[in-house]
Amino acid sequence: MLWRRIAALSLCLGAACASAQETHDTIVRNHLRSKTSFETLLHRAGNGDARSQFELGLAYDTGADVAQDLAQAAYWYHRAADAGDSAAQTNYGLMLAQGRGVERNDVEAVRWYMRATAQSYPPAQTNLGFMYASGRGVPLNYQQAVFWYRKAAEKDFAAAEVNLGFMYSQGFGVPADDAEAVRWYKRAARQKFAAAEDNLGYMYEHGRGVAQDEREAVRWFQRAAANGSLTAENNLAHAYENGIGVPRDYDTAAHWYGDAAARGLPEAQYNLGVLYQMGHGVPHDLAKAAEWFGRAARQGFQAARMQLNLLHRG
């Protein structure tokens, strides 16, 4: 069995946002200092300038012009957050939620998100919605999740639009409505937001909220893959492997599975293992199959564990 997944809910960094898998890989740099030298930035931050403190935290967080140092990132975010900077409050909350540079603390993460939402900051509204949708730091409450996602989505914040669309697609906190899900995905896709493009591909492939159109599905997967979505690469590979909207092409399937697998997506690692096991698009190689099943299994992917056990039994 091959494994797929729709791009689900995402957390956002204050200066930018990406899918949950990609939050720290596709940072939009335009919120970083423009031409301010690091030394000047450090001087200003040390003198209490909150915006410089935030930008210094972001530099340490992303490794922009300085060696990445998550503890220093958390320190400077925290200082700027205390001074009331909404982006810093959001980023410090995210570090607490992910345990990056600080000990994980969902309750504290929620507290910082709430402080930023008091300033109507869309990334914080999105992240607070995520915490309600996942029951982290607050009791699980899909209605509250939808409330916060909608707040940010109405400001045309792409990550919130995707998350709100997902809630409609699943019927979480709202009546299930695929057409409404597609509407929100399309709003986010206009901003070339990869998770939205990937999810639109899924909706077109399965005829959910739109007329089924496999070729249109592939076009959306291609756009999302070009914008860095690992799930889209996996979905595009699946289309080529099975001849969905494109002629069957195992070589191209192996290419896309391979790219997503190398970048750490466990579903793609599993699927690439299956190709090596079958000799489709790659040489038949049980050792390679075991290697990729093992990588997926180490990420907790149960189907890969089962396949690995079967291979070891011979």
C-alpha atoms as a PDB file:
ATOM      1  CA  MET A   1       0.000   0.000   0.000  1.00  0.00           C
ATOM      2  CA  LEU A   2       1.219   3.492  -0.886  1.00  0.00           C
ATOM      3  CA  TRP A   3       0.812   6.314   1.579  1.00  0.00           C
ATOM      4  CA  ARG A   4      -0.548   9.787   0.957  1.00  0.00           C
ATOM      5  CA  ARG A   5      -1.463  12.677   3.129  1.00  0.00           C
ATOM      6  CA  ILE A   6      -3.284  15.967   2.798  1.00  0.00           C
ATOM      7  CA  ALA A   7      -1.446  18.998   4.162  1.00  0.00           C
ATOM      8  CA  ALA A   8      -3.148  19.454   7.501  1.00  0.00           C
ATOM      9  CA  LEU A   9      -2.810  22.142  10.166  1.00  0.00           C
ATOM     10  CA  SER A  10       0.200  24.391  10.492  1.00  0.00           C
ATOM     11  CA  LEU A  11       1.986  26.545  13.038  1.00  0.00           C
ATOM     12  CA  CYS A  12       3.405  29.896  12.009  1.00  0.00           C
ATOM     13  CA  LEU A  13       6.554  31.851  12.644  1.00  0.00           C
ATOM     14  CA  GLY A  14       5.942  35.497  13.400  1.00  0.00           C
ATOM     15  CA  ALA A  15       7.891  36.821  10.443  1.00  0.00           C
ATOM     16  CA  ALA A  16       6.458  34.278   8.030  1.00  0.00           C
ATOM     17  CA  CYS A  17       4.596  31.013   7.880  1.00  0.00           C
ATOM     18  CA  ALA A  18       4.902  27.629   6.268  1.00  0.00           C
ATOM     19  CA  SER A  19       3.487  24.139   6.671  1.00  0.00           C
ATOM     20  CA  ALA A  20       4.248  22.230   9.821  1.00  0.00           C
ATOM     21  CA  GLN A  21       6.995  20.269   8.106  1.00  0.00           C
ATOM     22  CA  GLU A  22       8.550  23.386   6.627  1.00  0.00           C
ATOM     23  CA  THR A  23       8.197  26.118   9.242  1.00  0.00           C
ATOM     24  CA  HIS A  24      11.935  26.657   9.624  1.00  0.00           C
ATOM     25  CA  ASP A  25      12.982  25.734   6.087  1.00  0.00           C
ATOM     26  CA  THR A  26      11.113  28.370   4.067  1.00  0.00           C
ATOM     27  CA  ILE A  27      11.391  31.544   6.121  1.00  0.00           C
ATOM     28  CA  VAL A  28      10.528  34.695   4.232  1.00  0.00           C
ATOM     29  CA  ARG A  29      13.483  36.953   4.848  1.00  0.00           C
ATOM     30  CA  ASN A  30      11.898  40.323   4.180  1.00  0.00           C
ATOM     31  CA  HIS A  31      11.267  40.882   7.884  1.00  0.00           C
ATOM     32  CA  LEU A  32      14.941  40.468   8.686  1.00  0.00           C
ATOM     33  CA  ARG A  33      16.977  43.601   8.991  1.00  0.00           C
ATOM     34  CA  SER A  34      17.686  45.076   5.563  1.00  0.00           C
ATOM     35  CA  LYS A  35      21.228  46.410   5.540  1.00  0.00           C
ATOM     36  CA  THR A  36      21.820  46.870   9.260  1.00  0.00           C
ATOM     37  CA  SER A  37      25.095  45.276  10.308  1.00  0.00           C
ATOM     38  CA  PHE A  38      24.932  42.528  12.893  1.00  0.00           C
ATOM     39  CA  GLU A  39      27.070  44.580  15.269  1.00  0.00           C
ATOM     40  CA  THR A  40      24.706  47.566  14.999  1.00  0.00           C
ATOM     41  CA  LEU A  41      21.721  45.305  15.494  1.00  0.00           C
ATOM     42  CA  LEU A  42      23.309  43.766  18.586  1.00  0.00           C
ATOM     43  CA  HIS A  43      24.069  47.241  19.967  1.00  0.00           C
ATOM     44  CA  ARG A  44      20.498  48.449  19.428  1.00  0.00           C
ATOM     45  CA  ALA A  45      19.030  45.278  20.893  1.00  0.00           C
ATOM     46  CA  GLY A  46      21.250  45.574  23.949  1.00  0.00           C
ATOM     47  CA  ASN A  47      19.984  49.129  24.420  1.00  0.00           C
ATOM     48  CA  GLY A  48      16.406  47.890  24.575  1.00  0.00           C
ATOM     49  CA  ASP A  49      15.094  48.445  21.049  1.00  0.00           C
ATOM     50  CA  ALA A  50      12.329  45.820  20.766  1.00  0.00           C
ATOM     51  CA  ARG A  51      12.333  45.597  16.964  1.00  0.00           C
ATOM     52  CA  SER A  52      16.092  45.031  16.946  1.00  0.00           C
ATOM     53  CA  GLN A  53      15.678  42.386  19.648  1.00  0.00           C
ATOM     54  CA  PHE A  54      13.106  40.612  17.495  1.00  0.00           C
ATOM     55  CA  GLU A  55      15.288  40.789  14.384  1.00  0.00           C
ATOM     56  CA  LEU A  56      18.274  39.527  16.351  1.00  0.00           C
ATOM     57  CA  GLY A  57      16.180  36.597  17.586  1.00  0.00           C
ATOM     58  CA  LEU A  58      15.104  35.856  14.033  1.00  0.00           C
ATOM     59  CA  ALA A  59      18.718  35.980  12.840  1.00  0.00           C
ATOM     60  CA  TYR A  60      19.782  33.456  15.486  1.00  0.00           C
ATOM     61  CA  ASP A  61      16.671  31.354  14.783  1.00  0.00           C
ATOM     62  CA  THR A  62      17.253  31.086  11.033  1.00  0.00           C
ATOM     63  CA  GLY A  63      21.053  31.330  10.955  1.00  0.00           C
ATOM     64  CA  ALA A  64      20.943  34.499   8.824  1.00  0.00           C
ATOM     65  CA  ASP A  65      24.407  36.128   8.878  1.00  0.00           C
ATOM     66  CA  VAL A  66      25.209  34.440  12.189  1.00  0.00           C
ATOM     67  CA  ALA A  67      25.599  30.852  13.377  1.00  0.00           C
ATOM     68  CA  GLN A  68      22.232  29.419  14.335  1.00  0.00           C
ATOM     69  CA  ASP A  69      21.766  29.472  18.113  1.00  0.00           C
ATOM     70  CA  LEU A  70      18.285  28.556  19.287  1.00  0.00           C
ATOM     71  CA  ALA A  71      18.936  29.471  22.924  1.00  0.00           C
ATOM     72  CA  GLN A  72      20.020  32.961  21.843  1.00  0.00           C
ATOM     73  CA  ALA A  73      17.001  33.178  19.533  1.00  0.00           C
ATOM     74  CA  ALA A  74      14.683  32.371  22.425  1.00  0.00           C
ATOM     75  CA  TYR A  75      16.469  34.886  24.673  1.00  0.00           C
ATOM     76  CA  TRP A  76      16.060  37.784  22.254  1.00  0.00           C
ATOM     77  CA  TYR A  77      12.514  36.839  21.256  1.00  0.00           C
ATOM     78  CA  HIS A  78      11.631  36.775  24.952  1.00  0.00           C
ATOM     79  CA  ARG A  79      13.092  40.225  25.551  1.00  0.00           C
ATOM     80  CA  ALA A  80      11.214  41.694  22.590  1.00  0.00           C
ATOM     81  CA  ALA A  81       8.061  39.840  23.602  1.00  0.00           C
ATOM     82  CA  ASP A  82       8.231  41.346  27.082  1.00  0.00           C
ATOM     83  CA  ALA A  83       8.424  44.754  25.408  1.00  0.00           C
ATOM     84  CA  GLY A  84       5.184  44.035  23.538  1.00  0.00           C
ATOM     85  CA  ASP A  85       6.398  43.082  20.058  1.00  0.00           C
ATOM     86  CA  SER A  86       3.646  40.854  18.610  1.00  0.00           C
ATOM     87  CA  ALA A  87       5.929  39.018  16.152  1.00  0.00           C
ATOM     88  CA  ALA A  88       8.358  38.236  18.983  1.00  0.00           C
ATOM     89  CA  GLN A  89       5.506  37.071  21.200  1.00  0.00           C
ATOM     90  CA  THR A  90       4.409  34.709  18.436  1.00  0.00           C
ATOM     91  CA  ASN A  91       7.893  33.391  17.754  1.00  0.00           C
ATOM     92  CA  TYR A  92       8.687  32.902  21.420  1.00  0.00           C
ATOM     93  CA  GLY A  93       5.391  31.045  21.783  1.00  0.00           C
ATOM     94  CA  LEU A  94       6.333  28.852  18.832  1.00  0.00           C
ATOM     95  CA  MET A  95       9.698  27.994  20.382  1.00  0.00           C
ATOM     96  CA  LEU A  96       7.907  27.024  23.591  1.00  0.00           C
ATOM     97  CA  ALA A  97       5.383  24.943  21.630  1.00  0.00           C
ATOM     98  CA  GLN A  98       8.150  23.117  19.759  1.00  0.00           C
ATOM     99  CA  GLY A  99      10.742  22.952  22.532  1.00  0.00           C
ATOM    100  CA  ARG A 100      13.291  24.756  20.382  1.00  0.00           C
ATOM    101  CA  GLY A 101      15.906  26.598  22.418  1.00  0.00           C
ATOM    102  CA  VAL A 102      13.732  26.334  25.518  1.00  0.00           C
ATOM    103  CA  GLU A 103      11.939  23.570  27.371  1.00  0.00           C
ATOM    104  CA  ARG A 104       8.625  22.740  25.723  1.00  0.00           C
ATOM    105  CA  ASN A 105       5.699  24.346  27.531  1.00  0.00           C
ATOM    106  CA  ASP A 106       2.367  24.449  25.711  1.00  0.00           C
ATOM    107  CA  VAL A 107       0.596  26.440  28.410  1.00  0.00           C
ATOM    108  CA  GLU A 108       3.217  29.191  28.225  1.00  0.00           C
ATOM    109  CA  ALA A 109       3.081  29.068  24.425  1.00  0.00           C
ATOM    110  CA  VAL A 110      -0.659  29.714  24.545  1.00  0.00           C
ATOM    111  CA  ARG A 111      -0.125  32.611  26.963  1.00  0.00           C
ATOM    112  CA  TRP A 112       2.250  34.321  24.550  1.00  0.00           C
ATOM    113  CA  TYR A 113      -0.007  33.679  21.562  1.00  0.00           C
ATOM    114  CA  MET A 114      -2.879  35.248  23.480  1.00  0.00           C
ATOM    115  CA  ARG A 115      -0.801  38.342  24.199  1.00  0.00           C
ATOM    116  CA  ALA A 116      -0.089  38.705  20.489  1.00  0.00           C
ATOM    117  CA  THR A 117      -3.726  38.115  19.496  1.00  0.00           C
ATOM    118  CA  ALA A 118      -4.629  41.110  21.675  1.00  0.00           C
ATOM    119  CA  GLN A 119      -2.840  43.083  18.938  1.00  0.00           C
ATOM    120  CA  SER A 120      -4.838  41.255  16.230  1.00  0.00           C
ATOM    121  CA  TYR A 121      -1.670  39.631  14.869  1.00  0.00           C
ATOM    122  CA  PRO A 122      -2.643  36.977  12.251  1.00  0.00           C
ATOM    123  CA  PRO A 123       0.219  34.475  12.828  1.00  0.00           C
ATOM    124  CA  ALA A 124      -0.586  34.425  16.549  1.00  0.00           C
ATOM    125  CA  GLN A 125      -4.296  34.001  15.832  1.00  0.00           C
ATOM    126  CA  THR A 126      -3.425  31.075  13.562  1.00  0.00           C
ATOM    127  CA  ASN A 127      -1.173  29.462  16.155  1.00  0.00           C
ATOM    128  CA  LEU A 128      -3.739  29.894  18.895  1.00  0.00           C
ATOM    129  CA  GLY A 129      -6.266  28.206  16.624  1.00  0.00           C
ATOM    130  CA  PHE A 130      -3.799  25.346  16.150  1.00  0.00           C
ATOM    131  CA  MET A 131      -3.465  24.903  19.916  1.00  0.00           C
ATOM    132  CA  TYR A 132      -7.247  24.704  20.314  1.00  0.00           C
ATOM    133  CA  ALA A 133      -7.517  22.307  17.353  1.00  0.00           C
ATOM    134  CA  SER A 134      -4.914  19.981  18.870  1.00  0.00           C
ATOM    135  CA  GLY A 135      -5.769  20.433  22.554  1.00  0.00           C
ATOM    136  CA  ARG A 136      -2.309  21.656  23.444  1.00  0.00           C
ATOM    137  CA  GLY A 137      -2.051  24.044  26.381  1.00  0.00           C
ATOM    138  CA  VAL A 138      -5.830  24.463  26.288  1.00  0.00           C
ATOM    139  CA  PRO A 139      -8.751  22.010  26.225  1.00  0.00           C
ATOM    140  CA  LEU A 140      -9.516  20.675  22.747  1.00  0.00           C
ATOM    141  CA  ASN A 141     -12.094  23.004  21.222  1.00  0.00           C
ATOM    142  CA  TYR A 142     -12.672  22.935  17.466  1.00  0.00           C
ATOM    143  CA  GLN A 143     -15.126  25.838  17.600  1.00  0.00           C
ATOM    144  CA  GLN A 144     -12.494  28.059  19.202  1.00  0.00           C
ATOM    145  CA  ALA A 145      -9.957  26.858  16.638  1.00  0.00           C
ATOM    146  CA  VAL A 146     -12.293  27.870  13.816  1.00  0.00           C
ATOM    147  CA  PHE A 147     -12.918  31.227  15.513  1.00  0.00           C
ATOM    148  CA  TRP A 148      -9.218  32.093  15.566  1.00  0.00           C
ATOM    149  CA  TYR A 149      -8.481  30.686  12.122  1.00  0.00           C
ATOM    150  CA  ARG A 150     -11.313  32.769  10.694  1.00  0.00           C
ATOM    151  CA  LYS A 151     -10.004  35.917  12.399  1.00  0.00           C
ATOM    152  CA  ALA A 152      -6.665  35.512  10.633  1.00  0.00           C
ATOM    153  CA  ALA A 153      -8.132  34.188   7.375  1.00  0.00           C
ATOM    154  CA  GLU A 154     -10.342  37.254   7.051  1.00  0.00           C
ATOM    155  CA  LYS A 155      -7.111  39.261   6.988  1.00  0.00           C
ATOM    156  CA  ASP A 156      -6.062  37.095   3.996  1.00  0.00           C
ATOM    157  CA  PHE A 157      -3.388  35.266   6.009  1.00  0.00           C
ATOM    158  CA  ALA A 158      -2.642  32.219   3.880  1.00  0.00           C
ATOM    159  CA  ALA A 159      -1.779  29.716   6.620  1.00  0.00           C
ATOM    160  CA  ALA A 160      -5.034  30.465   8.416  1.00  0.00           C
ATOM    161  CA  GLU A 161      -6.970  30.115   5.160  1.00  0.00           C
ATOM    162  CA  VAL A 162      -5.498  26.650   4.664  1.00  0.00           C
ATOM    163  CA  ASN A 163      -6.224  25.648   8.258  1.00  0.00           C
ATOM    164  CA  LEU A 164      -9.791  26.926   8.015  1.00  0.00           C
ATOM    165  CA  GLY A 165     -10.255  25.056   4.748  1.00  0.00           C
ATOM    166  CA  PHE A 166      -8.996  21.901   6.423  1.00  0.00           C
ATOM    167  CA  MET A 167     -11.544  22.309   9.234  1.00  0.00           C
ATOM    168  CA  TYR A 168     -14.326  22.555   6.646  1.00  0.00           C
ATOM    169  CA  SER A 169     -12.988  19.519   4.776  1.00  0.00           C
ATOM    170  CA  GLN A 170     -13.058  17.438   7.956  1.00  0.00           C
ATOM    171  CA  GLY A 171     -16.151  18.916   9.621  1.00  0.00           C
ATOM    172  CA  PHE A 172     -14.183  20.017  12.690  1.00  0.00           C
ATOM    173  CA  GLY A 173     -15.950  22.851  14.511  1.00  0.00           C
ATOM    174  CA  VAL A 174     -18.111  23.577  11.451  1.00  0.00           C
ATOM    175  CA  PRO A 175     -20.438  21.479   9.293  1.00  0.00           C
ATOM    176  CA  ALA A 176     -18.402  19.553   6.723  1.00  0.00           C
ATOM    177  CA  ASP A 177     -18.432  21.533   3.482  1.00  0.00           C
ATOM    178  CA  ASP A 178     -15.967  20.601   0.747  1.00  0.00           C
ATOM    179  CA  ALA A 179     -16.964  23.538  -1.462  1.00  0.00           C
ATOM    180  CA  GLU A 180     -16.164  25.950   1.375  1.00  0.00           C
ATOM    181  CA  ALA A 181     -12.880  24.147   1.970  1.00  0.00           C
ATOM    182  CA  VAL A 182     -11.966  24.605  -1.687  1.00  0.00           C
ATOM    183  CA  ARG A 183     -12.910  28.280  -1.507  1.00  0.00           C
ATOM    184  CA  TRP A 184     -10.448  28.885   1.346  1.00  0.00           C
ATOM    185  CA  TYR A 185      -7.745  26.788  -0.299  1.00  0.00           C
ATOM    186  CA  LYS A 186      -8.098  28.835  -3.486  1.00  0.00           C
ATOM    187  CA  ARG A 187      -7.751  32.077  -1.525  1.00  0.00           C
ATOM    188  CA  ALA A 188      -4.493  30.853  -0.047  1.00  0.00           C
ATOM    189  CA  ALA A 189      -3.327  29.404  -3.372  1.00  0.00           C
ATOM    190  CA  ARG A 190      -3.572  32.872  -4.926  1.00  0.00           C
ATOM    191  CA  GLN A 191      -0.645  33.711  -2.650  1.00  0.00           C
ATOM    192  CA  LYS A 192       1.265  30.651  -3.972  1.00  0.00           C
ATOM    193  CA  PHE A 193       1.001  29.003  -0.565  1.00  0.00           C
ATOM    194  CA  ALA A 194       2.208  25.452  -1.133  1.00  0.00           C
ATOM    195  CA  ALA A 195      -0.040  23.677   1.382  1.00  0.00           C
ATOM    196  CA  ALA A 196      -3.107  25.216  -0.259  1.00  0.00           C
ATOM    197  CA  GLU A 197      -1.947  24.183  -3.724  1.00  0.00           C
ATOM    198  CA  ASP A 198      -1.302  20.648  -2.502  1.00  0.00           C
ATOM    199  CA  ASN A 199      -4.722  20.403  -0.859  1.00  0.00           C
ATOM    200  CA  LEU A 200      -6.423  21.717  -3.984  1.00  0.00           C
ATOM    201  CA  GLY A 201      -4.716  18.945  -5.907  1.00  0.00           C
ATOM    202  CA  TYR A 202      -6.129  16.426  -3.474  1.00  0.00           C
ATOM    203  CA  MET A 203      -9.636  17.906  -3.795  1.00  0.00           C
ATOM    204  CA  TYR A 204      -9.506  17.830  -7.613  1.00  0.00           C
ATOM    205  CA  GLU A 205      -8.150  14.292  -7.646  1.00  0.00           C
ATOM    206  CA  HIS A 206     -10.995  13.018  -5.489  1.00  0.00           C
ATOM    207  CA  GLY A 207     -13.774  15.309  -6.739  1.00  0.00           C
ATOM    208  CA  ARG A 208     -14.363  16.904  -3.358  1.00  0.00           C
ATOM    209  CA  GLY A 209     -15.959  20.354  -3.589  1.00  0.00           C
ATOM    210  CA  VAL A 210     -15.091  20.495  -7.300  1.00  0.00           C
ATOM    211  CA  ALA A 211     -15.691  18.327 -10.342  1.00  0.00           C
ATOM    212  CA  GLN A 212     -13.148  15.499 -10.373  1.00  0.00           C
ATOM    213  CA  ASP A 213     -10.294  16.387 -12.697  1.00  0.00           C
ATOM    214  CA  GLU A 214      -7.120  14.349 -12.349  1.00  0.00           C
ATOM    215  CA  ARG A 215      -5.123  16.463 -14.771  1.00  0.00           C
ATOM    216  CA  GLU A 216      -6.005  19.605 -12.821  1.00  0.00           C
ATOM    217  CA  ALA A 217      -4.999  17.756  -9.659  1.00  0.00           C
ATOM    218  CA  VAL A 218      -1.553  17.067 -11.103  1.00  0.00           C
ATOM    219  CA  ARG A 219      -1.168  20.717 -12.098  1.00  0.00           C
ATOM    220  CA  TRP A 220      -1.793  21.771  -8.493  1.00  0.00           C
ATOM    221  CA  PHE A 221       0.596  19.128  -7.155  1.00  0.00           C
ATOM    222  CA  GLN A 222       3.247  20.403  -9.572  1.00  0.00           C
ATOM    223  CA  ARG A 223       2.764  23.997  -8.396  1.00  0.00           C
ATOM    224  CA  ALA A 224       2.967  22.981  -4.751  1.00  0.00           C
ATOM    225  CA  ALA A 225       6.056  20.846  -5.367  1.00  0.00           C
ATOM    226  CA  ALA A 226       7.716  23.782  -7.134  1.00  0.00           C
ATOM    227  CA  ASN A 227       6.975  25.844  -4.020  1.00  0.00           C
ATOM    228  CA  GLY A 228       8.679  23.304  -1.772  1.00  0.00           C
ATOM    229  CA  SER A 229       5.855  21.120  -0.461  1.00  0.00           C
ATOM    230  CA  LEU A 230       7.060  17.634   0.477  1.00  0.00           C
ATOM    231  CA  THR A 231       3.527  16.250   0.641  1.00  0.00           C
ATOM    232  CA  ALA A 232       2.941  17.548  -2.892  1.00  0.00           C
ATOM    233  CA  GLU A 233       6.093  15.777  -4.108  1.00  0.00           C
ATOM    234  CA  ASN A 234       4.757  12.583  -2.563  1.00  0.00           C
ATOM    235  CA  ASN A 235       1.326  13.133  -4.132  1.00  0.00           C
ATOM    236  CA  LEU A 236       2.866  13.937  -7.513  1.00  0.00           C
ATOM    237  CA  ALA A 237       4.958  10.780  -7.345  1.00  0.00           C
ATOM    238  CA  HIS A 238       1.819   8.803  -6.527  1.00  0.00           C
ATOM    239  CA  ALA A 239       0.133  10.243  -9.623  1.00  0.00           C
ATOM    240  CA  TYR A 240       3.029   9.223 -11.874  1.00  0.00           C
ATOM    241  CA  GLU A 241       3.280   5.785 -10.302  1.00  0.00           C
ATOM    242  CA  ASN A 242      -0.391   5.061 -10.851  1.00  0.00           C
ATOM    243  CA  GLY A 243      -1.063   6.989 -14.059  1.00  0.00           C
ATOM    244  CA  ILE A 244      -3.429   9.457 -12.392  1.00  0.00           C
ATOM    245  CA  GLY A 245      -3.798  12.508 -14.651  1.00  0.00           C
ATOM    246  CA  VAL A 246      -0.491  11.691 -16.379  1.00  0.00           C
ATOM    247  CA  PRO A 247       0.894   8.660 -18.209  1.00  0.00           C
ATOM    248  CA  ARG A 248       2.341   6.108 -15.805  1.00  0.00           C
ATOM    249  CA  ASP A 249       6.041   6.787 -15.357  1.00  0.00           C
ATOM    250  CA  TYR A 250       7.904   4.893 -12.648  1.00  0.00           C
ATOM    251  CA  ASP A 251      11.132   6.817 -13.242  1.00  0.00           C
ATOM    252  CA  THR A 252       9.450  10.152 -12.554  1.00  0.00           C
ATOM    253  CA  ALA A 253       7.649   8.661  -9.572  1.00  0.00           C
ATOM    254  CA  ALA A 254      10.971   7.511  -8.153  1.00  0.00           C
ATOM    255  CA  HIS A 255      12.422  10.993  -8.703  1.00  0.00           C
ATOM    256  CA  TRP A 256       9.692  12.738  -6.706  1.00  0.00           C
ATOM    257  CA  TYR A 257       9.540  10.104  -3.970  1.00  0.00           C
ATOM    258  CA  GLY A 258      13.320  10.291  -3.761  1.00  0.00           C
ATOM    259  CA  ASP A 259      13.386  14.053  -3.345  1.00  0.00           C
ATOM    260  CA  ALA A 260      10.737  14.075  -0.617  1.00  0.00           C
ATOM    261  CA  ALA A 261      12.315  11.050   1.071  1.00  0.00           C
ATOM    262  CA  ALA A 262      15.755  12.660   1.135  1.00  0.00           C
ATOM    263  CA  ARG A 263      14.182  15.714   2.767  1.00  0.00           C
ATOM    264  CA  GLY A 264      12.655  13.579   5.506  1.00  0.00           C
ATOM    265  CA  LEU A 265       9.017  12.868   4.629  1.00  0.00           C
ATOM    266  CA  PRO A 266       8.272   9.421   6.117  1.00  0.00           C
ATOM    267  CA  GLU A 267       5.445   8.606   3.676  1.00  0.00           C
ATOM    268  CA  ALA A 268       7.809   9.214   0.764  1.00  0.00           C
ATOM    269  CA  GLN A 269      10.543   7.181   2.441  1.00  0.00           C
ATOM    270  CA  TYR A 270       8.115   4.290   2.782  1.00  0.00           C
ATOM    271  CA  ASN A 271       6.891   4.650  -0.814  1.00  0.00           C
ATOM    272  CA  LEU A 272      10.444   4.785  -2.148  1.00  0.00           C
ATOM    273  CA  GLY A 273      11.171   1.622  -0.202  1.00  0.00           C
ATOM    274  CA  VAL A 274       8.240  -0.035  -1.953  1.00  0.00           C
ATOM    275  CA  LEU A 275       9.658   0.955  -5.360  1.00  0.00           C
ATOM    276  CA  TYR A 276      13.015  -0.617  -4.479  1.00  0.00           C
ATOM    277  CA  GLN A 277      11.191  -3.689  -3.233  1.00  0.00           C
ATOM    278  CA  MET A 278       9.286  -3.983  -6.523  1.00  0.00           C
ATOM    279  CA  GLY A 279      12.007  -2.720  -8.862  1.00  0.00           C
ATOM    280  CA  HIS A 280       9.783   0.000 -10.295  1.00  0.00           C
ATOM    281  CA  GLY A 281      11.718   3.016 -11.592  1.00  0.00           C
ATOM    282  CA  VAL A 282      14.763   1.911  -9.598  1.00  0.00           C
ATOM    283  CA  PRO A 283      16.749  -1.323  -9.524  1.00  0.00           C
ATOM    284  CA  HIS A 284      15.243  -4.144  -7.491  1.00  0.00           C
ATOM    285  CA  ASP A 285      17.239  -3.788  -4.261  1.00  0.00           C
ATOM    286  CA  LEU A 286      15.971  -5.196  -0.979  1.00  0.00           C
ATOM    287  CA  ALA A 287      18.849  -3.633   0.946  1.00  0.00           C
ATOM    288  CA  LYS A 288      17.848  -0.194  -0.338  1.00  0.00           C
ATOM    289  CA  ALA A 289      14.214  -0.966   0.415  1.00  0.00           C
ATOM    290  CA  ALA A 290      15.162  -1.865   3.991  1.00  0.00           C
ATOM    291  CA  GLU A 291      17.204   1.335   4.292  1.00  0.00           C
ATOM    292  CA  TRP A 292      14.233   3.525   3.358  1.00  0.00           C
ATOM    293  CA  PHE A 293      11.758   1.533   5.415  1.00  0.00           C
ATOM    294  CA  GLY A 294      14.177   1.947   8.322  1.00  0.00           C
ATOM    295  CA  ARG A 295      14.331   5.717   7.912  1.00  0.00           C
ATOM    296  CA  ALA A 296      10.546   5.964   7.905  1.00  0.00           C
ATOM    297  CA  ALA A 297      10.261   3.572  10.839  1.00  0.00           C
ATOM    298  CA  ARG A 298      12.642   5.709  12.905  1.00  0.00           C
ATOM    299  CA  GLN A 299      10.143   8.527  12.496  1.00  0.00           C
ATOM    300  CA  GLY A 300       7.419   6.326  13.940  1.00  0.00           C
ATOM    301  CA  PHE A 301       5.838   5.270  10.643  1.00  0.00           C
ATOM    302  CA  GLN A 302       4.189   1.976  11.545  1.00  0.00           C
ATOM    303  CA  ALA A 303       3.676   0.586   8.029  1.00  0.00           C
ATOM    304  CA  ALA A 304       7.412   0.932   7.426  1.00  0.00           C
ATOM    305  CA  ARG A 305       8.146  -0.968  10.625  1.00  0.00           C
ATOM    306  CA  MET A 306       5.908  -3.791   9.461  1.00  0.00           C
ATOM    307  CA  GLN A 307       7.580  -3.951   6.043  1.00  0.00           C
ATOM    308  CA  LEU A 308      11.001  -3.909   7.651  1.00  0.00           C
ATOM    309  CA  ASN A 309      10.050  -6.845   9.879  1.00  0.00           C
ATOM    310  CA  LEU A 310       8.777  -8.769   6.853  1.00  0.00           C
ATOM    311  CA  LEU A 311      12.034  -8.172   4.982  1.00  0.00           C
ATOM    312  CA  HIS A 312      14.101  -9.298   7.953  1.00  0.00           C
ATOM    313  CA  ARG A 313      12.099 -12.513   8.190  1.00  0.00           C
ATOM    314  CA  GLY A 314      13.080 -13.208   4.615  1.00  0.00           C
END
